[in-house]
C-alpha atoms as a PDB file:
ATOM      1  CA  MET A   1     -20.298 -15.256  36.127  1.00  0.00           C
ATOM      2  CA  ASN A   2     -19.469 -12.616  33.992  1.00  0.00           C
ATOM      3  CA  SER A   3     -22.768 -10.123  33.994  1.00  0.00           C
ATOM      4  CA  ASN A   4     -22.677 -10.487  29.796  1.00  0.00           C
ATOM      5  CA  ASP A   5     -23.010 -14.055  30.384  1.00  0.00           C
ATOM      6  CA  THR A   6     -26.142 -13.406  31.985  1.00  0.00           C
ATOM      7  CA  ILE A   7     -27.220 -10.801  29.444  1.00  0.00           C
ATOM      8  CA  TYR A   8     -26.658 -12.725  26.379  1.00  0.00           C
ATOM      9  CA  GLY A   9     -24.971 -16.156  26.967  1.00  0.00           C
ATOM     10  CA  LYS A  10     -21.596 -17.172  25.419  1.00  0.00           C
ATOM     11  CA  ARG A  11     -23.032 -18.568  21.864  1.00  0.00           C
ATOM     12  CA  VAL A  12     -24.252 -14.861  21.515  1.00  0.00           C
ATOM     13  CA  LEU A  13     -21.191 -13.244  22.657  1.00  0.00           C
ATOM     14  CA  HIS A  14     -19.450 -15.131  20.224  1.00  0.00           C
ATOM     15  CA  LYS A  15     -21.444 -14.050  17.719  1.00  0.00           C
ATOM     16  CA  PHE A  16     -21.182 -10.551  18.841  1.00  0.00           C
ATOM     17  CA  SER A  17     -17.164 -10.972  18.857  1.00  0.00           C
ATOM     18  CA  SER A  18     -17.265 -12.092  15.424  1.00  0.00           C
ATOM     19  CA  LEU A  19     -19.187  -9.456  14.093  1.00  0.00           C
ATOM     20  CA  ARG A  20     -16.921  -7.413  15.669  1.00  0.00           C
ATOM     21  CA  ASP A  21     -13.997  -8.742  14.299  1.00  0.00           C
ATOM     22  CA  LEU A  22     -14.952  -9.339  10.386  1.00  0.00           C
ATOM     23  CA  GLU A  23     -15.981  -5.442  10.989  1.00  0.00           C
ATOM     24  CA  GLU A  24     -12.558  -4.537  11.880  1.00  0.00           C
ATOM     25  CA  LYS A  25     -10.633  -6.439   9.528  1.00  0.00           C
ATOM     26  CA  ARG A  26     -13.124  -4.553   6.874  1.00  0.00           C
ATOM     27  CA  ARG A  27     -11.956  -1.391   8.321  1.00  0.00           C
ATOM     28  CA  ASN A  28      -8.072  -1.930   8.379  1.00  0.00           C
ATOM     29  CA  GLU A  29      -8.518  -3.166   4.453  1.00  0.00           C
ATOM     30  CA  THR A  30     -10.453   0.017   3.354  1.00  0.00           C
ATOM     31  CA  VAL A  31      -7.860   2.421   5.381  1.00  0.00           C
ATOM     32  CA  LYS A  32      -4.697   0.749   3.687  1.00  0.00           C
ATOM     33  CA  HIS A  33      -6.527   0.977   0.562  1.00  0.00           C
ATOM     34  CA  ARG A  34      -6.997   4.597   0.909  1.00  0.00           C
ATOM     35  CA  VAL A  35      -4.082   5.834   2.571  1.00  0.00           C
ATOM     36  CA  ALA A  36      -2.258   4.075  -0.691  1.00  0.00           C
ATOM     37  CA  THR A  37      -4.509   5.481  -3.326  1.00  0.00           C
ATOM     38  CA  ASN A  38      -5.816   8.720  -2.304  1.00  0.00           C
ATOM     39  CA  PRO A  39      -4.386  10.109   1.248  1.00  0.00           C
ATOM     40  CA  HIS A  40      -5.703  13.431   0.669  1.00  0.00           C
ATOM     41  CA  PRO A  41      -8.626  14.524   2.972  1.00  0.00           C
ATOM     42  CA  THR A  42     -12.116  15.734   1.946  1.00  0.00           C
ATOM     43  CA  GLY A  43     -13.298  18.533   3.843  1.00  0.00           C
ATOM     44  CA  PHE A  44     -15.182  16.692   5.847  1.00  0.00           C
ATOM     45  CA  GLU A  45     -12.310  14.583   6.628  1.00  0.00           C
ATOM     46  CA  TYR A  46     -10.287  17.267   7.933  1.00  0.00           C
ATOM     47  CA  LEU A  47     -12.852  18.894   9.892  1.00  0.00           C
ATOM     48  CA  VAL A  48     -13.223  15.353  11.693  1.00  0.00           C
ATOM     49  CA  GLY A  49      -9.525  14.538  11.524  1.00  0.00           C
ATOM     50  CA  ALA A  50      -9.955  11.164  10.060  1.00  0.00           C
ATOM     51  CA  PHE A  51     -10.596   9.560   6.845  1.00  0.00           C
ATOM     52  CA  ILE A  52     -14.183   7.896   6.707  1.00  0.00           C
ATOM     53  CA  GLU A  53     -12.273   4.561   5.943  1.00  0.00           C
ATOM     54  CA  MET A  54     -11.228   4.695   9.407  1.00  0.00           C
ATOM     55  CA  TYR A  55     -14.893   4.651  10.970  1.00  0.00           C
ATOM     56  CA  ALA A  56     -16.321   1.024  11.332  1.00  0.00           C
ATOM     57  CA  PRO A  57     -17.647   0.310   7.762  1.00  0.00           C
ATOM     58  CA  TYR A  58     -21.102  -0.370   9.007  1.00  0.00           C
ATOM     59  CA  LEU A  59     -21.382   3.317  10.843  1.00  0.00           C
ATOM     60  CA  LYS A  60     -20.690   5.387   7.462  1.00  0.00           C
ATOM     61  CA  SER A  61     -24.442   6.214   6.537  1.00  0.00           C
ATOM     62  CA  ILE A  62     -24.876   7.026  10.262  1.00  0.00           C
ATOM     63  CA  ILE A  63     -21.674   9.152  10.698  1.00  0.00           C
ATOM     64  CA  ASN A  64     -22.372  10.902   7.538  1.00  0.00           C
ATOM     65  CA  ARG A  65     -26.207  11.656   8.711  1.00  0.00           C
ATOM     66  CA  LEU A  66     -25.374  12.680  12.018  1.00  0.00           C
ATOM     67  CA  TYR A  67     -22.516  15.072  10.461  1.00  0.00           C
ATOM     68  CA  LYS A  68     -25.213  16.743   8.199  1.00  0.00           C
ATOM     69  CA  LYS A  69     -27.092  17.448  11.719  1.00  0.00           C
ATOM     70  CA  GLY A  70     -23.923  19.133  13.265  1.00  0.00           C
ATOM     71  CA  TYR A  71     -22.549  16.160  15.407  1.00  0.00           C
ATOM     72  CA  VAL A  72     -19.268  15.376  15.111  1.00  0.00           C
ATOM     73  CA  ILE A  73     -18.258  11.445  16.042  1.00  0.00           C
ATOM     74  CA  ASP A  74     -15.349  10.132  16.860  1.00  0.00           C
ATOM     75  CA  THR A  75     -13.572   7.046  15.041  1.00  0.00           C
ATOM     76  CA  SER A  76     -13.780   5.168  18.204  1.00  0.00           C
ATOM     77  CA  SER A  77     -17.314   4.503  17.520  1.00  0.00           C
ATOM     78  CA  GLY A  78     -18.999   0.921  17.114  1.00  0.00           C
ATOM     79  CA  PHE A  79     -18.454  -2.289  18.784  1.00  0.00           C
ATOM     80  CA  CYS A  80     -17.372  -1.777  22.425  1.00  0.00           C
ATOM     81  CA  GLY A  81     -17.097  -3.899  25.190  1.00  0.00           C
ATOM     82  CA  GLU A  82     -14.973  -6.936  25.954  1.00  0.00           C
ATOM     83  CA  TYR A  83     -17.156  -8.884  23.064  1.00  0.00           C
ATOM     84  CA  GLY A  84     -18.295  -6.119  20.863  1.00  0.00           C
ATOM     85  CA  GLU A  85     -21.916  -6.518  22.845  1.00  0.00           C
ATOM     86  CA  ARG A  86     -22.443  -2.785  23.494  1.00  0.00           C
ATOM     87  CA  GLN A  87     -22.955  -0.278  20.522  1.00  0.00           C
ATOM     88  CA  ALA A  88     -21.383   3.305  21.201  1.00  0.00           C
ATOM     89  CA  VAL A  89     -21.320   6.320  19.487  1.00  0.00           C
ATOM     90  CA  ILE A  90     -18.791   9.029  20.897  1.00  0.00           C
ATOM     91  CA  GLY A  91     -18.581  12.392  20.018  1.00  0.00           C
ATOM     92  CA  TYR A  92     -18.484  16.331  20.663  1.00  0.00           C
ATOM     93  CA  PHE A  93     -22.029  17.426  20.887  1.00  0.00           C
ATOM     94  CA  PRO A  94     -24.305  18.653  23.442  1.00  0.00           C
ATOM     95  CA  ILE A  95     -27.428  16.469  24.514  1.00  0.00           C
ATOM     96  CA  ASN A  96     -30.042  18.345  26.267  1.00  0.00           C
ATOM     97  CA  ASP A  97     -32.831  16.445  28.487  1.00  0.00           C
ATOM     98  CA  ILE A  98     -35.402  16.514  26.456  1.00  0.00           C
ATOM     99  CA  THR A  99     -33.409  14.665  23.868  1.00  0.00           C
ATOM    100  CA  ARG A 100     -31.899  12.487  26.483  1.00  0.00           C
ATOM    101  CA  GLY A 101     -35.522  11.213  28.073  1.00  0.00           C
ATOM    102  CA  LYS A 102     -36.437  10.500  24.340  1.00  0.00           C
ATOM    103  CA  LEU A 103     -33.464   8.407  24.105  1.00  0.00           C
ATOM    104  CA  ASN A 104     -33.718   6.744  27.430  1.00  0.00           C
ATOM    105  CA  GLY A 105     -37.123   5.874  26.283  1.00  0.00           C
ATOM    106  CA  LEU A 106     -35.354   3.825  23.289  1.00  0.00           C
ATOM    107  CA  GLY A 107     -33.258   2.031  25.895  1.00  0.00           C
ATOM    108  CA  VAL A 108     -30.274   4.390  25.052  1.00  0.00           C
ATOM    109  CA  LYS A 109     -28.230   5.607  27.318  1.00  0.00           C
ATOM    110  CA  VAL A 110     -26.069   8.720  27.217  1.00  0.00           C
ATOM    111  CA  HIS A 111     -23.103   9.117  29.337  1.00  0.00           C
ATOM    112  CA  ILE A 112     -21.255  12.426  29.316  1.00  0.00           C
ATOM    113  CA  TYR A 113     -17.252  12.510  30.046  1.00  0.00           C
ATOM    114  CA  THR A 114     -14.585  15.599  30.408  1.00  0.00           C
ATOM    115  CA  ASN A 115     -14.501  16.361  26.670  1.00  0.00           C
ATOM    116  CA  THR A 116     -16.820  13.820  25.120  1.00  0.00           C
ATOM    117  CA  LYS A 117     -20.266  12.219  25.218  1.00  0.00           C
ATOM    118  CA  SER A 118     -21.350   8.800  24.483  1.00  0.00           C
ATOM    119  CA  ILE A 119     -24.560   7.568  23.244  1.00  0.00           C
ATOM    120  CA  MET A 120     -24.955   3.625  23.853  1.00  0.00           C
ATOM    121  CA  PHE A 121     -26.976   0.683  23.955  1.00  0.00           C
ATOM    122  CA  TYR A 122     -27.030  -3.607  23.839  1.00  0.00           C
ATOM    123  CA  PRO A 123     -28.548  -4.539  20.612  1.00  0.00           C
ATOM    124  CA  GLU A 124     -30.745  -7.589  20.912  1.00  0.00           C
ATOM    125  CA  LYS A 125     -29.122  -9.635  18.326  1.00  0.00           C
ATOM    126  CA  ALA A 126     -25.432  -9.933  16.362  1.00  0.00           C
ATOM    127  CA  ASP A 127     -27.184  -8.420  13.551  1.00  0.00           C
ATOM    128  CA  ILE A 128     -26.057  -5.573  11.302  1.00  0.00           C
ATOM    129  CA  ASP A 129     -29.221  -4.710   9.765  1.00  0.00           C
ATOM    130  CA  LYS A 130     -30.842  -4.934  13.195  1.00  0.00           C
ATOM    131  CA  ILE A 131     -28.163  -2.758  14.600  1.00  0.00           C
ATOM    132  CA  LEU A 132     -28.273   0.024  11.724  1.00  0.00           C
ATOM    133  CA  THR A 133     -32.151  -0.060  12.698  1.00  0.00           C
ATOM    134  CA  LYS A 134     -31.589   1.348  16.208  1.00  0.00           C
ATOM    135  CA  TRP A 135     -28.840   3.664  14.903  1.00  0.00           C
ATOM    136  CA  GLY A 136     -31.155   5.309  12.689  1.00  0.00           C
ATOM    137  CA  LYS A 137     -33.931   5.503  15.090  1.00  0.00           C
ATOM    138  CA  ILE A 138     -31.531   7.181  17.483  1.00  0.00           C
ATOM    139  CA  ALA A 139     -29.894   9.666  14.324  1.00  0.00           C
ATOM    140  CA  SER A 140     -33.750  10.953  14.038  1.00  0.00           C
ATOM    141  CA  ILE A 141     -34.101  11.640  17.435  1.00  0.00           C
ATOM    142  CA  LEU A 142     -31.025  13.834  17.640  1.00  0.00           C
ATOM    143  CA  PRO A 143     -32.275  17.585  16.926  1.00  0.00           C
ATOM    144  CA  ASP A 144     -30.360  19.522  13.883  1.00  0.00           C
ATOM    145  CA  ARG A 145     -27.952  21.512  15.611  1.00  0.00           C
ATOM    146  CA  LYS A 146     -27.866  24.281  12.897  1.00  0.00           C
ATOM    147  CA  GLN A 147     -24.629  25.559  13.552  1.00  0.00           C
ATOM    148  CA  ALA A 148     -21.063  25.395  11.855  1.00  0.00           C
ATOM    149  CA  ILE A 149     -18.915  22.210  13.075  1.00  0.00           C
ATOM    150  CA  GLN A 150     -15.265  23.258  14.331  1.00  0.00           C
ATOM    151  CA  PRO A 151     -12.377  21.283  13.781  1.00  0.00           C
ATOM    152  CA  VAL A 152     -12.132  18.294  16.209  1.00  0.00           C
ATOM    153  CA  LYS A 153      -8.939  19.269  18.317  1.00  0.00           C
ATOM    154  CA  SER A 154      -7.902  15.627  19.788  1.00  0.00           C
ATOM    155  CA  ILE A 155      -4.642  14.660  19.684  1.00  0.00           C
ATOM    156  CA  GLU A 156      -4.973  11.843  17.110  1.00  0.00           C
ATOM    157  CA  ALA A 157      -7.017  14.568  14.802  1.00  0.00           C
ATOM    158  CA  SER A 158      -4.293  16.757  14.688  1.00  0.00           C
ATOM    159  CA  ARG A 159      -1.618  14.151  14.155  1.00  0.00           C
ATOM    160  CA  PHE A 160      -4.002  13.310  11.125  1.00  0.00           C
ATOM    161  CA  ARG A 161      -4.207  16.957   9.863  1.00  0.00           C
ATOM    162  CA  SER A 162      -0.036  16.504  10.159  1.00  0.00           C
ATOM    163  CA  GLY A 163      -0.136  13.772   8.456  1.00  0.00           C
ATOM    164  CA  TYR A 164      -2.078  14.283   5.408  1.00  0.00           C
ATOM    165  CA  ILE A 165      -2.735  17.318   3.377  1.00  0.00           C
ATOM    166  CA  PRO A 166      -5.817  17.865   1.463  1.00  0.00           C
ATOM    167  CA  GLN A 167      -5.541  18.224  -2.151  1.00  0.00           C
ATOM    168  CA  SER A 168      -8.557  21.535  -1.875  1.00  0.00           C
ATOM    169  CA  PRO A 169      -6.517  24.762  -2.562  1.00  0.00           C
ATOM    170  CA  THR A 170      -8.362  26.329   0.375  1.00  0.00           C
ATOM    171  CA  LEU A 171      -7.513  23.239   2.618  1.00  0.00           C
ATOM    172  CA  ARG A 172      -4.054  22.700   1.631  1.00  0.00           C
ATOM    173  CA  ARG A 173      -3.537  26.802   2.589  1.00  0.00           C
ATOM    174  CA  GLN A 174      -5.603  26.453   5.891  1.00  0.00           C
ATOM    175  CA  ARG A 175      -2.911  23.420   6.652  1.00  0.00           C
ATOM    176  CA  LEU A 176      -0.076  24.905   5.756  1.00  0.00           C
ATOM    177  CA  PHE A 177      -0.419  27.571   7.707  1.00  0.00           C
ATOM    178  CA  GLU A 178      -1.755  25.554  11.022  1.00  0.00           C
ATOM    179  CA  HIS A 179       1.735  24.098  10.059  1.00  0.00           C
ATOM    180  CA  LEU A 180       3.713  27.022  10.301  1.00  0.00           C
ATOM    181  CA  ARG A 181       1.556  28.329  13.525  1.00  0.00           C
ATOM    182  CA  GLU A 182       2.404  24.912  15.578  1.00  0.00           C
ATOM    183  CA  LYS A 183       6.135  25.312  14.606  1.00  0.00           C
ATOM    184  CA  VAL A 184       6.120  29.053  15.785  1.00  0.00           C
ATOM    185  CA  GLN A 185       4.446  28.230  19.034  1.00  0.00           C
ATOM    186  CA  GLU A 186       6.690  24.964  19.215  1.00  0.00           C
ATOM    187  CA  GLU A 187       9.673  28.341  19.324  1.00  0.00           C
ATOM    188  CA  MET A 188       7.881  30.341  21.663  1.00  0.00           C
ATOM    189  CA  VAL A 189       7.412  28.052  24.120  1.00  0.00           C
ATOM    190  CA  ASN A 190      11.072  26.923  23.709  1.00  0.00           C
ATOM    191  CA  GLY A 191      11.983  30.707  24.180  1.00  0.00           C
ATOM    192  CA  ILE A 192       9.536  31.685  27.119  1.00  0.00           C
ATOM    193  CA  LYS A 193      10.913  28.841  29.153  1.00  0.00           C
ATOM    194  CA  LYS A 194      14.481  30.134  28.776  1.00  0.00           C
ATOM    195  CA  ARG A 195      13.670  33.822  29.068  1.00  0.00           C
ATOM    196  CA  LEU A 196      11.565  32.812  32.716  1.00  0.00           C
ATOM    197  CA  ALA A 197      14.523  30.660  33.857  1.00  0.00           C
ATOM    198  CA  THR A 198      17.414  33.232  33.178  1.00  0.00           C
ATOM    199  CA  ASN A 199      15.725  36.695  33.152  1.00  0.00           C
ATOM    200  CA  LEU A 200      12.731  37.950  35.014  1.00  0.00           C
ATOM    201  CA  VAL A 201      13.316  41.916  34.930  1.00  0.00           C
ATOM    202  CA  PRO A 202      11.320  43.112  31.819  1.00  0.00           C
ATOM    203  CA  THR A 203      12.907  45.936  29.747  1.00  0.00           C
ATOM    204  CA  LYS A 204      11.026  49.640  29.094  1.00  0.00           C
ATOM    205  CA  ILE A 205       9.473  48.603  25.944  1.00  0.00           C
ATOM    206  CA  GLU A 206       8.594  45.032  27.575  1.00  0.00           C
ATOM    207  CA  SER A 207       6.873  47.069  30.783  1.00  0.00           C
ATOM    208  CA  SER A 208       4.770  49.147  28.284  1.00  0.00           C
ATOM    209  CA  LEU A 209       3.875  46.093  25.987  1.00  0.00           C
ATOM    210  CA  GLY A 210       3.018  44.221  28.979  1.00  0.00           C
ATOM    211  CA  VAL A 211       4.915  40.884  27.742  1.00  0.00           C
ATOM    212  CA  PHE A 212       8.619  39.314  27.108  1.00  0.00           C
ATOM    213  CA  VAL A 213       9.286  39.696  23.955  1.00  0.00           C
ATOM    214  CA  GLU A 214       9.971  35.850  23.708  1.00  0.00           C
ATOM    215  CA  MET A 215       5.899  36.080  24.183  1.00  0.00           C
ATOM    216  CA  LEU A 216       5.472  37.959  20.907  1.00  0.00           C
ATOM    217  CA  GLU A 217       5.285  35.524  17.669  1.00  0.00           C
ATOM    218  CA  PRO A 218       8.913  35.629  16.080  1.00  0.00           C
ATOM    219  CA  GLN A 219       7.245  36.613  12.567  1.00  0.00           C
ATOM    220  CA  VAL A 220       5.665  39.990  14.124  1.00  0.00           C
ATOM    221  CA  ARG A 221       8.388  40.195  17.151  1.00  0.00           C
ATOM    222  CA  ALA A 222      10.634  42.808  15.080  1.00  0.00           C
ATOM    223  CA  ALA A 223       7.496  44.743  13.635  1.00  0.00           C
ATOM    224  CA  VAL A 224       5.723  45.056  17.099  1.00  0.00           C
ATOM    225  CA  LEU A 225       8.976  46.479  18.962  1.00  0.00           C
ATOM    226  CA  ALA A 226       9.624  49.066  15.630  1.00  0.00           C
ATOM    227  CA  ILE A 227       6.217  50.524  15.672  1.00  0.00           C
ATOM    228  CA  ASN A 228       6.165  50.847  19.595  1.00  0.00           C
ATOM    229  CA  ARG A 229       9.447  52.977  19.158  1.00  0.00           C
ATOM    230  CA  LYS A 230       7.049  55.103  16.330  1.00  0.00           C
ATOM    231  CA  GLY A 231       4.365  55.652  19.560  1.00  0.00           C
ATOM    232  CA  TYR A 232       2.167  52.902  18.574  1.00  0.00           C
ATOM    233  CA  SER A 233       0.593  51.286  21.518  1.00  0.00           C
ATOM    234  CA  THR A 234      -0.259  47.513  20.690  1.00  0.00           C
ATOM    235  CA  ASP A 235      -2.138  44.915  22.542  1.00  0.00           C
ATOM    236  CA  VAL A 236      -2.669  41.510  20.126  1.00  0.00           C
ATOM    237  CA  SER A 237      -0.351  40.471  17.066  1.00  0.00           C
ATOM    238  CA  GLY A 238       0.735  37.721  15.468  1.00  0.00           C
ATOM    239  CA  PHE A 239      -1.837  35.249  13.825  1.00  0.00           C
ATOM    240  CA  LYS A 240      -5.686  35.676  13.485  1.00  0.00           C
ATOM    241  CA  LYS A 241      -8.355  33.391  14.349  1.00  0.00           C
ATOM    242  CA  GLN A 242      -8.613  32.565  10.708  1.00  0.00           C
ATOM    243  CA  VAL A 243      -4.765  30.881  10.859  1.00  0.00           C
ATOM    244  CA  ASP A 244      -4.100  32.553   7.309  1.00  0.00           C
ATOM    245  CA  GLY A 245      -4.336  35.676   8.140  1.00  0.00           C
ATOM    246  CA  GLN A 246      -1.741  38.354  10.559  1.00  0.00           C
ATOM    247  CA  MET A 247      -2.568  41.387  12.491  1.00  0.00           C
ATOM    248  CA  ILE A 248      -1.549  43.884  14.653  1.00  0.00           C
ATOM    249  CA  GLU A 249      -4.024  45.654  16.950  1.00  0.00           C
ATOM    250  CA  GLY A 250      -4.013  48.310  19.749  1.00  0.00           C
ATOM    251  CA  ASP A 251      -4.949  51.789  20.633  1.00  0.00           C
ATOM    252  CA  PHE A 252      -3.832  53.772  17.911  1.00  0.00           C
ATOM    253  CA  LYS A 253      -4.547  55.356  14.697  1.00  0.00           C
ATOM    254  CA  VAL A 254      -2.818  55.395  10.861  1.00  0.00           C
ATOM    255  CA  ASP A 255      -3.156  58.735   9.069  1.00  0.00           C
ATOM    256  CA  LYS A 256      -5.334  58.535   5.704  1.00  0.00           C
ATOM    257  CA  THR A 257      -2.300  58.864   3.751  1.00  0.00           C
ATOM    258  CA  THR A 258      -0.560  56.058   5.260  1.00  0.00           C
ATOM    259  CA  THR A 259      -3.772  53.904   5.057  1.00  0.00           C
ATOM    260  CA  GLY A 260      -3.802  54.350   1.500  1.00  0.00           C
ATOM    261  CA  LYS A 261       0.085  53.522   0.942  1.00  0.00           C
ATOM    262  CA  LEU A 262      -1.037  50.336   3.202  1.00  0.00           C
ATOM    263  CA  GLU A 263      -4.162  49.349   1.325  1.00  0.00           C
ATOM    264  CA  LYS A 264      -1.486  49.267  -2.077  1.00  0.00           C
ATOM    265  CA  LEU A 265       0.096  46.445  -0.298  1.00  0.00           C
ATOM    266  CA  GLY A 266      -3.000  44.314   0.516  1.00  0.00           C
ATOM    267  CA  VAL A 267      -2.713  45.472   3.832  1.00  0.00           C
ATOM    268  CA  LYS A 268      -6.281  46.432   5.657  1.00  0.00           C
ATOM    269  CA  VAL A 269      -6.980  48.915   8.261  1.00  0.00           C
ATOM    270  CA  GLU A 270      -9.610  49.111  10.288  1.00  0.00           C
ATOM    271  CA  THR A 271     -10.520  51.403  13.458  1.00  0.00           C
ATOM    272  CA  ASN A 272     -13.701  51.461  15.234  1.00  0.00           C
ATOM    273  CA  PRO A 273     -15.243  54.567  16.882  1.00  0.00           C
ATOM    274  CA  SER A 274     -12.978  54.529  19.609  1.00  0.00           C
ATOM    275  CA  GLY A 275      -9.593  54.833  17.589  1.00  0.00           C
ATOM    276  CA  TYR A 276      -8.613  51.396  18.481  1.00  0.00           C
ATOM    277  CA  THR A 277      -6.876  50.011  14.890  1.00  0.00           C
ATOM    278  CA  ARG A 278      -5.967  46.792  13.654  1.00  0.00           C
ATOM    279  CA  VAL A 279      -3.786  46.225  10.682  1.00  0.00           C
ATOM    280  CA  GLN A 280      -4.128  42.796   8.760  1.00  0.00           C
ATOM    281  CA  PHE A 281      -3.397  41.424   5.912  1.00  0.00           C
ATOM    282  CA  SER A 282      -3.141  37.645   4.399  1.00  0.00           C
ATOM    283  CA  PRO A 283       0.118  36.065   3.365  1.00  0.00           C
ATOM    284  CA  ASP A 284       0.407  35.022   0.189  1.00  0.00           C
ATOM    285  CA  LYS A 285       2.173  31.712   1.427  1.00  0.00           C
ATOM    286  CA  ALA A 286       2.870  30.046   4.734  1.00  0.00           C
ATOM    287  CA  ASP A 287       6.586  31.453   4.689  1.00  0.00           C
ATOM    288  CA  ILE A 288       7.768  33.087   8.031  1.00  0.00           C
ATOM    289  CA  LYS A 289      10.799  34.880   5.896  1.00  0.00           C
ATOM    290  CA  LYS A 290       8.222  36.433   3.449  1.00  0.00           C
ATOM    291  CA  ILE A 291       5.857  37.248   6.640  1.00  0.00           C
ATOM    292  CA  LYS A 292       8.628  38.842   8.268  1.00  0.00           C
ATOM    293  CA  LEU A 293       9.548  41.121   5.119  1.00  0.00           C
ATOM    294  CA  LYS A 294       5.714  41.947   4.850  1.00  0.00           C
ATOM    295  CA  TRP A 295       5.671  43.242   8.512  1.00  0.00           C
ATOM    296  CA  ASP A 296       8.854  44.950   7.832  1.00  0.00           C
ATOM    297  CA  ARG A 297       7.182  47.024   4.697  1.00  0.00           C
ATOM    298  CA  ILE A 298       4.232  47.639   6.997  1.00  0.00           C
ATOM    299  CA  THR A 299       6.530  48.607   9.916  1.00  0.00           C
ATOM    300  CA  SER A 300       8.346  51.573   7.729  1.00  0.00           C
ATOM    301  CA  LEU A 301       5.422  53.176   6.286  1.00  0.00           C
ATOM    302  CA  LEU A 302       3.901  53.856   9.591  1.00  0.00           C
ATOM    303  CA  LEU A 303       4.673  57.477  10.405  1.00  0.00           C
ATOM    304  CA  ASP A 304       6.744  58.206  13.610  1.00  0.00           C
ATOM    305  CA  LYS A 305       4.510  60.048  16.158  1.00  0.00           C
ATOM    306  CA  GLY A 306       7.917  61.445  17.975  1.00  0.00           C
ATOM    307  CA  TYR A 307       6.529  59.813  21.204  1.00  0.00           C
ATOM    308  CA  SER A 308       6.812  57.184  23.340  1.00  0.00           C
ATOM    309  CA  ALA A 309       3.773  54.475  23.149  1.00  0.00           C
ATOM    310  CA  SER A 310       1.221  54.492  25.696  1.00  0.00           C
ATOM    311  CA  PRO A 311       1.355  51.453  28.008  1.00  0.00           C
ATOM    312  CA  SER A 312      -0.795  48.799  26.769  1.00  0.00           C
ATOM    313  CA  MET A 313      -3.973  48.334  29.325  1.00  0.00           C
ATOM    314  CA  THR A 314      -5.453  44.989  28.599  1.00  0.00           C
ATOM    315  CA  ARG A 315      -5.734  42.683  31.584  1.00  0.00           C
ATOM    316  CA  LYS A 316      -2.893  40.298  30.469  1.00  0.00           C
ATOM    317  CA  ALA A 317      -0.494  43.699  30.421  1.00  0.00           C
ATOM    318  CA  ARG A 318      -1.744  44.590  33.304  1.00  0.00           C
ATOM    319  CA  ASP A 319      -1.005  41.300  35.328  1.00  0.00           C
ATOM    320  CA  PHE A 320       2.241  41.132  33.878  1.00  0.00           C
ATOM    321  CA  ARG A 321       3.494  44.427  34.882  1.00  0.00           C
ATOM    322  CA  SER A 322       2.235  43.568  38.546  1.00  0.00           C
ATOM    323  CA  LYS A 323       3.818  40.229  38.554  1.00  0.00           C
ATOM    324  CA  TYR A 324       6.962  41.383  37.123  1.00  0.00           C
ATOM    325  CA  VAL A 325       7.698  45.111  37.136  1.00  0.00           C
ATOM    326  CA  LYS A 326       8.880  46.263  40.438  1.00  0.00           C
ATOM    327  CA  SER A 327       8.075  49.657  42.367  1.00  0.00           C
END
């Protein structure tokens, strides 16, 4: 006999199954309508990588409540199990032992997977109101995380962000730059594979940089090589963590006159007390040709120091030389 039959009985399981199917039908209808009438994600939707309509309809209030407390929930949350007899919220968040104990006291189990966790329980009845009451109690137990939510990095979320562009100018800009970075990374992967398959001997400048040129982002590659020849030792270059920013940084200094000229171009130069410098700017558009041109202008303004750049001494660069540079 099926264990679910033992817990509920076939009539109750049928009710759960019918309730699940009804909610799924509602979800499909609302998603279809949303995509047809407003295919632009909000800030919340952009972060989670899904329209709110892609969640189980009955869970929307819980999803929003948990989001405000710092919990990102996956769209697979809701009815689970062969008959929909199990409720689960699946997401990307930590749960400490104290919270876990409180949830256990409600008859709620926490399961930990590789990248996600699930909060799960078996409802007493196939009744949406009673199910929501239980979820409300669970939401009350979960503590406020008090930290910024990072975008979900699942394959599904990435596909969503690739397919739907926000109307918000800020989010639209971010998405366009993310798309550009994805194209750049794809180009780099292909270039690196080809290089590693055909020529493992680094040039003199590659040895100094501690990378094959194919490992430099294409929009900044020429600039890195050019300023290295001018005597500037660089360590990191390309897209910043804030995806709509560009930078080159390394163990070099830029004189005040040149810094002033760069600032007039909208370029920021930051040097720490030890003399380590970052040259950075925010491009007007996610246009790789225009970004390259900006780097060309920056490169042309940097004075030639008249001597060779010192080798990059990052761990990555030293490991590169250890692996590829023969004594």
